[in-house]
Amino acid sequence: MKHFEYLPSPMVCCKKIAFDIDDEKRIYNLVFTGGCNGNLKAIAKLCEGQQAEQIIVLLQGNTCGMRNTSCADQLTKAISSALN
């Protein structure tokens, strides 16, 4: 299992996204630092053990308020980085 840490850009409410990915490309131990605590903990629970590509399909392009991105969208960028 490999550990990854990602600093969202452009700026969103969370300041860091950390997770582990196994050889089958499943996500574990997802932690958002900062941001909307309850919502991001819920996203982390829903992503636990899920296929990386499926998370990307579900969350990519999600926006927050007037921003063209969100913490969930930034998670997809983090996962994409880990897969490359």
PDB file of N, CA and C in Angstrom:
ATOM      1  N   MET A   1       0.846  -1.168   0.000  1.00  0.00           N
ATOM      2  CA  MET A   1       0.000   0.000   0.000  1.00  0.00           C
ATOM      3  C   MET A   1       0.897   1.239   0.000  1.00  0.00           C
ATOM      4  N   LYS A   2       0.521   2.231  -0.801  1.00  0.00           N
ATOM      5  CA  LYS A   2       1.293   3.473  -0.882  1.00  0.00           C
ATOM      6  C   LYS A   2       0.498   4.620  -0.280  1.00  0.00           C
ATOM      7  N   HIS A   3       1.203   5.534   0.361  1.00  0.00           N
ATOM      8  CA  HIS A   3       0.587   6.708   0.988  1.00  0.00           C
ATOM      9  C   HIS A   3       0.824   7.926   0.098  1.00  0.00           C
ATOM     10  N   PHE A   4      -0.207   8.744  -0.072  1.00  0.00           N
ATOM     11  CA  PHE A   4      -0.099   9.961  -0.869  1.00  0.00           C
ATOM     12  C   PHE A   4      -0.641  11.148  -0.093  1.00  0.00           C
ATOM     13  N   GLU A   5      -0.012  12.290  -0.303  1.00  0.00           N
ATOM     14  CA  GLU A   5      -0.498  13.556   0.248  1.00  0.00           C
ATOM     15  C   GLU A   5      -0.564  14.556  -0.893  1.00  0.00           C
ATOM     16  N   TYR A   6      -1.611  15.370  -0.891  1.00  0.00           N
ATOM     17  CA  TYR A   6      -1.868  16.300  -1.984  1.00  0.00           C
ATOM     18  C   TYR A   6      -2.285  17.639  -1.403  1.00  0.00           C
ATOM     19  N   LEU A   7      -1.720  18.718  -1.940  1.00  0.00           N
ATOM     20  CA  LEU A   7      -2.098  20.075  -1.548  1.00  0.00           C
ATOM     21  C   LEU A   7      -3.001  20.643  -2.639  1.00  0.00           C
ATOM     22  N   PRO A   8      -4.275  20.858  -2.326  1.00  0.00           N
ATOM     23  CA  PRO A   8      -5.226  21.319  -3.341  1.00  0.00           C
ATOM     24  C   PRO A   8      -4.818  22.641  -3.988  1.00  0.00           C
ATOM     25  N   SER A   9      -5.063  22.724  -5.290  1.00  0.00           N
ATOM     26  CA  SER A   9      -4.804  23.949  -6.037  1.00  0.00           C
ATOM     27  C   SER A   9      -5.748  23.972  -7.228  1.00  0.00           C
ATOM     28  N   PRO A  10      -6.564  25.020  -7.397  1.00  0.00           N
ATOM     29  CA  PRO A  10      -6.563  26.245  -6.605  1.00  0.00           C
ATOM     30  C   PRO A  10      -7.113  26.000  -5.205  1.00  0.00           C
ATOM     31  N   MET A  11      -6.986  27.018  -4.382  1.00  0.00           N
ATOM     32  CA  MET A  11      -7.345  26.946  -2.977  1.00  0.00           C
ATOM     33  C   MET A  11      -8.815  26.558  -2.790  1.00  0.00           C
ATOM     34  N   VAL A  12      -9.041  25.562  -1.951  1.00  0.00           N
ATOM     35  CA  VAL A  12     -10.374  25.187  -1.487  1.00  0.00           C
ATOM     36  C   VAL A  12     -10.321  25.179   0.033  1.00  0.00           C
ATOM     37  N   CYS A  13     -11.408  24.812   0.676  1.00  0.00           N
ATOM     38  CA  CYS A  13     -11.451  24.871   2.144  1.00  0.00           C
ATOM     39  C   CYS A  13     -10.470  23.913   2.815  1.00  0.00           C
ATOM     40  N   CYS A  14     -10.301  22.714   2.256  1.00  0.00           N
ATOM     41  CA  CYS A  14      -9.328  21.808   2.868  1.00  0.00           C
ATOM     42  C   CYS A  14      -7.924  22.202   2.404  1.00  0.00           C
ATOM     43  N   LYS A  15      -6.990  22.017   3.275  1.00  0.00           N
ATOM     44  CA  LYS A  15      -5.607  22.420   2.998  1.00  0.00           C
ATOM     45  C   LYS A  15      -4.726  21.263   2.544  1.00  0.00           C
ATOM     46  N   LYS A  16      -5.154  20.035   2.851  1.00  0.00           N
ATOM     47  CA  LYS A  16      -4.373  18.855   2.461  1.00  0.00           C
ATOM     48  C   LYS A  16      -5.308  17.659   2.361  1.00  0.00           C
ATOM     49  N   ILE A  17      -4.998  16.775   1.426  1.00  0.00           N
ATOM     50  CA  ILE A  17      -5.726  15.513   1.258  1.00  0.00           C
ATOM     51  C   ILE A  17      -4.698  14.398   1.340  1.00  0.00           C
ATOM     52  N   ALA A  18      -4.929  13.427   2.214  1.00  0.00           N
ATOM     53  CA  ALA A  18      -4.007  12.303   2.370  1.00  0.00           C
ATOM     54  C   ALA A  18      -4.807  11.000   2.292  1.00  0.00           C
ATOM     55  N   PHE A  19      -4.214   9.986   1.681  1.00  0.00           N
ATOM     56  CA  PHE A  19      -4.874   8.691   1.561  1.00  0.00           C
ATOM     57  C   PHE A  19      -3.853   7.623   1.209  1.00  0.00           C
ATOM     58  N   ASP A  20      -4.292   6.377   1.351  1.00  0.00           N
ATOM     59  CA  ASP A  20      -3.496   5.233   0.934  1.00  0.00           C
ATOM     60  C   ASP A  20      -4.195   4.595  -0.253  1.00  0.00           C
ATOM     61  N   ILE A  21      -3.410   3.995  -1.141  1.00  0.00           N
ATOM     62  CA  ILE A  21      -3.954   3.279  -2.294  1.00  0.00           C
ATOM     63  C   ILE A  21      -3.229   1.940  -2.384  1.00  0.00           C
ATOM     64  N   ASP A  22      -4.018   0.876  -2.559  1.00  0.00           N
ATOM     65  CA  ASP A  22      -3.407  -0.459  -2.614  1.00  0.00           C
ATOM     66  C   ASP A  22      -3.127  -0.878  -4.050  1.00  0.00           C
ATOM     67  N   ASP A  23      -2.617  -2.088  -4.210  1.00  0.00           N
ATOM     68  CA  ASP A  23      -2.247  -2.593  -5.532  1.00  0.00           C
ATOM     69  C   ASP A  23      -3.449  -2.775  -6.456  1.00  0.00           C
ATOM     70  N   GLU A  24      -4.638  -2.897  -5.879  1.00  0.00           N
ATOM     71  CA  GLU A  24      -5.863  -3.022  -6.669  1.00  0.00           C
ATOM     72  C   GLU A  24      -6.503  -1.659  -6.945  1.00  0.00           C
ATOM     73  N   LYS A  25      -5.780  -0.605  -6.589  1.00  0.00           N
ATOM     74  CA  LYS A  25      -6.220   0.782  -6.791  1.00  0.00           C
ATOM     75  C   LYS A  25      -7.489   1.114  -6.018  1.00  0.00           C
ATOM     76  N   ARG A  26      -7.533   0.635  -4.768  1.00  0.00           N
ATOM     77  CA  ARG A  26      -8.616   0.972  -3.848  1.00  0.00           C
ATOM     78  C   ARG A  26      -8.092   1.997  -2.850  1.00  0.00           C
ATOM     79  N   ILE A  27      -8.966   2.912  -2.448  1.00  0.00           N
ATOM     80  CA  ILE A  27      -8.599   4.020  -1.565  1.00  0.00           C
ATOM     81  C   ILE A  27      -8.925   3.665  -0.114  1.00  0.00           C
ATOM     82  N   TYR A  28      -7.986   3.973   0.775  1.00  0.00           N
ATOM     83  CA  TYR A  28      -8.151   3.730   2.214  1.00  0.00           C
ATOM     84  C   TYR A  28      -7.594   4.915   3.003  1.00  0.00           C
ATOM     85  N   ASN A  29      -8.064   5.061   4.223  1.00  0.00           N
ATOM     86  CA  ASN A  29      -7.522   6.035   5.183  1.00  0.00           C
ATOM     87  C   ASN A  29      -7.524   7.464   4.635  1.00  0.00           C
ATOM     88  N   LEU A  30      -8.585   7.836   3.930  1.00  0.00           N
ATOM     89  CA  LEU A  30      -8.701   9.176   3.366  1.00  0.00           C
ATOM     90  C   LEU A  30      -8.929  10.190   4.484  1.00  0.00           C
ATOM     91  N   VAL A  31      -8.092  11.234   4.499  1.00  0.00           N
ATOM     92  CA  VAL A  31      -8.201  12.295   5.501  1.00  0.00           C
ATOM     93  C   VAL A  31      -8.068  13.642   4.809  1.00  0.00           C
ATOM     94  N   PHE A  32      -9.027  14.525   5.089  1.00  0.00           N
ATOM     95  CA  PHE A  32      -8.959  15.911   4.636  1.00  0.00           C
ATOM     96  C   PHE A  32      -8.533  16.747   5.832  1.00  0.00           C
ATOM     97  N   THR A  33      -7.568  17.630   5.644  1.00  0.00           N
ATOM     98  CA  THR A  33      -7.150  18.550   6.694  1.00  0.00           C
ATOM     99  C   THR A  33      -7.800  19.894   6.413  1.00  0.00           C
ATOM    100  N   GLY A  34      -8.607  20.355   7.355  1.00  0.00           N
ATOM    101  CA  GLY A  34      -9.360  21.592   7.159  1.00  0.00           C
ATOM    102  C   GLY A  34     -10.643  21.302   6.408  1.00  0.00           C
ATOM    103  N   GLY A  35     -11.381  22.336   6.087  1.00  0.00           N
ATOM    104  CA  GLY A  35     -12.623  22.178   5.333  1.00  0.00           C
ATOM    105  C   GLY A  35     -13.808  21.892   6.222  1.00  0.00           C
ATOM    106  N   CYS A  36     -14.905  21.530   5.599  1.00  0.00           N
ATOM    107  CA  CYS A  36     -16.165  21.238   6.290  1.00  0.00           C
ATOM    108  C   CYS A  36     -16.074  19.858   6.931  1.00  0.00           C
ATOM    109  N   ASN A  37     -15.769  19.825   8.191  1.00  0.00           N
ATOM    110  CA  ASN A  37     -15.431  18.607   8.911  1.00  0.00           C
ATOM    111  C   ASN A  37     -16.426  17.473   8.691  1.00  0.00           C
ATOM    112  N   GLY A  38     -17.684  17.710   8.931  1.00  0.00           N
ATOM    113  CA  GLY A  38     -18.686  16.646   8.811  1.00  0.00           C
ATOM    114  C   GLY A  38     -18.821  16.132   7.394  1.00  0.00           C
ATOM    115  N   ASN A  39     -18.913  17.044   6.437  1.00  0.00           N
ATOM    116  CA  ASN A  39     -19.067  16.638   5.040  1.00  0.00           C
ATOM    117  C   ASN A  39     -17.860  15.862   4.545  1.00  0.00           C
ATOM    118  N   LEU A  40     -16.665  16.321   4.888  1.00  0.00           N
ATOM    119  CA  LEU A  40     -15.463  15.653   4.396  1.00  0.00           C
ATOM    120  C   LEU A  40     -15.236  14.310   5.082  1.00  0.00           C
ATOM    121  N   LYS A  41     -15.655  14.184   6.339  1.00  0.00           N
ATOM    122  CA  LYS A  41     -15.585  12.871   6.990  1.00  0.00           C
ATOM    123  C   LYS A  41     -16.550  11.903   6.314  1.00  0.00           C
ATOM    124  N   ALA A  42     -17.715  12.403   5.903  1.00  0.00           N
ATOM    125  CA  ALA A  42     -18.685  11.555   5.206  1.00  0.00           C
ATOM    126  C   ALA A  42     -18.127  11.095   3.858  1.00  0.00           C
ATOM    127  N   ILE A  43     -17.510  12.005   3.116  1.00  0.00           N
ATOM    128  CA  ILE A  43     -16.901  11.628   1.836  1.00  0.00           C
ATOM    129  C   ILE A  43     -15.828  10.560   2.070  1.00  0.00           C
ATOM    130  N   ALA A  44     -15.011  10.749   3.099  1.00  0.00           N
ATOM    131  CA  ALA A  44     -13.955   9.779   3.403  1.00  0.00           C
ATOM    132  C   ALA A  44     -14.551   8.401   3.703  1.00  0.00           C
ATOM    133  N   LYS A  45     -15.633   8.349   4.463  1.00  0.00           N
ATOM    134  CA  LYS A  45     -16.274   7.068   4.774  1.00  0.00           C
ATOM    135  C   LYS A  45     -16.821   6.411   3.516  1.00  0.00           C
ATOM    136  N   LEU A  46     -17.437   7.201   2.642  1.00  0.00           N
ATOM    137  CA  LEU A  46     -18.014   6.659   1.416  1.00  0.00           C
ATOM    138  C   LEU A  46     -16.946   6.155   0.448  1.00  0.00           C
ATOM    139  N   CYS A  47     -15.764   6.755   0.501  1.00  0.00           N
ATOM    140  CA  CYS A  47     -14.673   6.366  -0.407  1.00  0.00           C
ATOM    141  C   CYS A  47     -13.874   5.172   0.103  1.00  0.00           C
ATOM    142  N   GLU A  48     -13.974   4.858   1.374  1.00  0.00           N
ATOM    143  CA  GLU A  48     -13.169   3.798   1.978  1.00  0.00           C
ATOM    144  C   GLU A  48     -13.354   2.474   1.235  1.00  0.00           C
ATOM    145  N   GLY A  49     -12.265   1.944   0.694  1.00  0.00           N
ATOM    146  CA  GLY A  49     -12.275   0.667   0.009  1.00  0.00           C
ATOM    147  C   GLY A  49     -12.792   0.701  -1.423  1.00  0.00           C
ATOM    148  N   GLN A  50     -13.151   1.882  -1.906  1.00  0.00           N
ATOM    149  CA  GLN A  50     -13.697   2.014  -3.261  1.00  0.00           C
ATOM    150  C   GLN A  50     -12.575   2.099  -4.302  1.00  0.00           C
ATOM    151  N   GLN A  51     -12.888   1.705  -5.521  1.00  0.00           N
ATOM    152  CA  GLN A  51     -11.945   1.800  -6.623  1.00  0.00           C
ATOM    153  C   GLN A  51     -11.647   3.265  -6.938  1.00  0.00           C
ATOM    154  N   ALA A  52     -10.388   3.584  -7.120  1.00  0.00           N
ATOM    155  CA  ALA A  52      -9.960   4.951  -7.403  1.00  0.00           C
ATOM    156  C   ALA A  52     -10.685   5.533  -8.612  1.00  0.00           C
ATOM    157  N   GLU A  53     -10.747   4.783  -9.690  1.00  0.00           N
ATOM    158  CA  GLU A  53     -11.386   5.280 -10.919  1.00  0.00           C
ATOM    159  C   GLU A  53     -12.863   5.586 -10.707  1.00  0.00           C
ATOM    160  N   GLN A  54     -13.542   4.785  -9.889  1.00  0.00           N
ATOM    161  CA  GLN A  54     -14.963   5.023  -9.621  1.00  0.00           C
ATOM    162  C   GLN A  54     -15.159   6.321  -8.835  1.00  0.00           C
ATOM    163  N   ILE A  55     -14.275   6.595  -7.897  1.00  0.00           N
ATOM    164  CA  ILE A  55     -14.351   7.850  -7.139  1.00  0.00           C
ATOM    165  C   ILE A  55     -14.170   9.028  -8.085  1.00  0.00           C
ATOM    166  N   ILE A  56     -13.230   8.913  -8.991  1.00  0.00           N
ATOM    167  CA  ILE A  56     -12.994   9.989  -9.968  1.00  0.00           C
ATOM    168  C   ILE A  56     -14.251  10.229 -10.801  1.00  0.00           C
ATOM    169  N   VAL A  57     -14.850   9.167 -11.315  1.00  0.00           N
ATOM    170  CA  VAL A  57     -16.055   9.296 -12.140  1.00  0.00           C
ATOM    171  C   VAL A  57     -17.178   9.982 -11.358  1.00  0.00           C
ATOM    172  N   LEU A  58     -17.356   9.612 -10.109  1.00  0.00           N
ATOM    173  CA  LEU A  58     -18.455  10.156  -9.306  1.00  0.00           C
ATOM    174  C   LEU A  58     -18.255  11.610  -8.894  1.00  0.00           C
ATOM    175  N   LEU A  59     -17.028  12.007  -8.580  1.00  0.00           N
ATOM    176  CA  LEU A  59     -16.802  13.312  -7.949  1.00  0.00           C
ATOM    177  C   LEU A  59     -16.158  14.363  -8.845  1.00  0.00           C
ATOM    178  N   GLN A  60     -15.593  13.973  -9.968  1.00  0.00           N
ATOM    179  CA  GLN A  60     -14.897  14.924 -10.836  1.00  0.00           C
ATOM    180  C   GLN A  60     -15.860  15.998 -11.338  1.00  0.00           C
ATOM    181  N   GLY A  61     -15.410  17.249 -11.237  1.00  0.00           N
ATOM    182  CA  GLY A  61     -16.203  18.373 -11.718  1.00  0.00           C
ATOM    183  C   GLY A  61     -17.176  18.932 -10.699  1.00  0.00           C
ATOM    184  N   ASN A  62     -17.261  18.324  -9.511  1.00  0.00           N
ATOM    185  CA  ASN A  62     -18.133  18.843  -8.457  1.00  0.00           C
ATOM    186  C   ASN A  62     -17.658  20.240  -8.058  1.00  0.00           C
ATOM    187  N   THR A  63     -18.564  21.192  -7.964  1.00  0.00           N
ATOM    188  CA  THR A  63     -18.201  22.562  -7.606  1.00  0.00           C
ATOM    189  C   THR A  63     -18.725  22.916  -6.219  1.00  0.00           C
ATOM    190  N   CYS A  64     -18.222  24.017  -5.676  1.00  0.00           N
ATOM    191  CA  CYS A  64     -18.633  24.499  -4.360  1.00  0.00           C
ATOM    192  C   CYS A  64     -18.884  26.003  -4.455  1.00  0.00           C
ATOM    193  N   GLY A  65     -20.112  26.406  -4.195  1.00  0.00           N
ATOM    194  CA  GLY A  65     -20.436  27.832  -4.269  1.00  0.00           C
ATOM    195  C   GLY A  65     -20.100  28.398  -5.636  1.00  0.00           C
ATOM    196  N   MET A  66     -19.396  29.516  -5.640  1.00  0.00           N
ATOM    197  CA  MET A  66     -19.032  30.188  -6.883  1.00  0.00           C
ATOM    198  C   MET A  66     -17.717  29.667  -7.468  1.00  0.00           C
ATOM    199  N   ARG A  67     -17.064  28.754  -6.767  1.00  0.00           N
ATOM    200  CA  ARG A  67     -15.796  28.200  -7.263  1.00  0.00           C
ATOM    201  C   ARG A  67     -16.057  27.204  -8.386  1.00  0.00           C
ATOM    202  N   ASN A  68     -15.071  27.022  -9.237  1.00  0.00           N
ATOM    203  CA  ASN A  68     -15.203  26.023 -10.304  1.00  0.00           C
ATOM    204  C   ASN A  68     -14.615  24.673  -9.885  1.00  0.00           C
ATOM    205  N   THR A  69     -14.353  24.506  -8.597  1.00  0.00           N
ATOM    206  CA  THR A  69     -13.829  23.266  -8.026  1.00  0.00           C
ATOM    207  C   THR A  69     -14.398  23.109  -6.624  1.00  0.00           C
ATOM    208  N   SER A  70     -13.992  22.060  -5.944  1.00  0.00           N
ATOM    209  CA  SER A  70     -14.432  21.793  -4.571  1.00  0.00           C
ATOM    210  C   SER A  70     -13.423  20.850  -3.933  1.00  0.00           C
ATOM    211  N   CYS A  71     -13.606  20.590  -2.658  1.00  0.00           N
ATOM    212  CA  CYS A  71     -12.732  19.615  -1.999  1.00  0.00           C
ATOM    213  C   CYS A  71     -12.882  18.240  -2.650  1.00  0.00           C
ATOM    214  N   ALA A  72     -14.108  17.865  -3.013  1.00  0.00           N
ATOM    215  CA  ALA A  72     -14.336  16.570  -3.667  1.00  0.00           C
ATOM    216  C   ALA A  72     -13.667  16.532  -5.044  1.00  0.00           C
ATOM    217  N   ASP A  73     -13.781  17.609  -5.797  1.00  0.00           N
ATOM    218  CA  ASP A  73     -13.129  17.687  -7.107  1.00  0.00           C
ATOM    219  C   ASP A  73     -11.608  17.619  -6.946  1.00  0.00           C
ATOM    220  N   GLN A  74     -11.089  18.276  -5.937  1.00  0.00           N
ATOM    221  CA  GLN A  74      -9.645  18.233  -5.683  1.00  0.00           C
ATOM    222  C   GLN A  74      -9.204  16.820  -5.295  1.00  0.00           C
ATOM    223  N   LEU A  75     -10.082  16.074  -4.622  1.00  0.00           N
ATOM    224  CA  LEU A  75      -9.776  14.677  -4.320  1.00  0.00           C
ATOM    225  C   LEU A  75      -9.561  13.901  -5.618  1.00  0.00           C
ATOM    226  N   THR A  76     -10.367  14.157  -6.637  1.00  0.00           N
ATOM    227  CA  THR A  76     -10.197  13.445  -7.896  1.00  0.00           C
ATOM    228  C   THR A  76      -8.853  13.773  -8.527  1.00  0.00           C
ATOM    229  N   LYS A  77      -8.402  15.009  -8.375  1.00  0.00           N
ATOM    230  CA  LYS A  77      -7.084  15.399  -8.890  1.00  0.00           C
ATOM    231  C   LYS A  77      -5.979  14.696  -8.108  1.00  0.00           C
ATOM    232  N   ALA A  78      -6.167  14.598  -6.798  1.00  0.00           N
ATOM    233  CA  ALA A  78      -5.189  13.901  -5.952  1.00  0.00           C
ATOM    234  C   ALA A  78      -5.093  12.435  -6.357  1.00  0.00           C
ATOM    235  N   ILE A  79      -6.235  11.792  -6.546  1.00  0.00           N
ATOM    236  CA  ILE A  79      -6.232  10.381  -6.921  1.00  0.00           C
ATOM    237  C   ILE A  79      -5.606  10.192  -8.296  1.00  0.00           C
ATOM    238  N   SER A  80      -5.952  11.066  -9.232  1.00  0.00           N
ATOM    239  CA  SER A  80      -5.356  10.987 -10.578  1.00  0.00           C
ATOM    240  C   SER A  80      -3.840  11.080 -10.498  1.00  0.00           C
ATOM    241  N   SER A  81      -3.345  11.978  -9.658  1.00  0.00           N
ATOM    242  CA  SER A  81      -1.893  12.129  -9.453  1.00  0.00           C
ATOM    243  C   SER A  81      -1.281  10.829  -8.929  1.00  0.00           C
ATOM    244  N   ALA A  82      -1.979  10.205  -8.006  1.00  0.00           N
ATOM    245  CA  ALA A  82      -1.461   8.964  -7.412  1.00  0.00           C
ATOM    246  C   ALA A  82      -1.441   7.821  -8.423  1.00  0.00           C
ATOM    247  N   LEU A  83      -2.355   7.838  -9.361  1.00  0.00           N
ATOM    248  CA  LEU A  83      -2.435   6.775 -10.354  1.00  0.00           C
ATOM    249  C   LEU A  83      -1.384   6.910 -11.445  1.00  0.00           C
ATOM    250  N   ASN A  84      -0.852   8.117 -11.618  1.00  0.00           N
ATOM    251  CA  ASN A  84       0.149   8.346 -12.680  1.00  0.00           C
ATOM    252  C   ASN A  84       1.559   8.161 -12.187  1.00  0.00           C
TER     253      ASN A  84
END
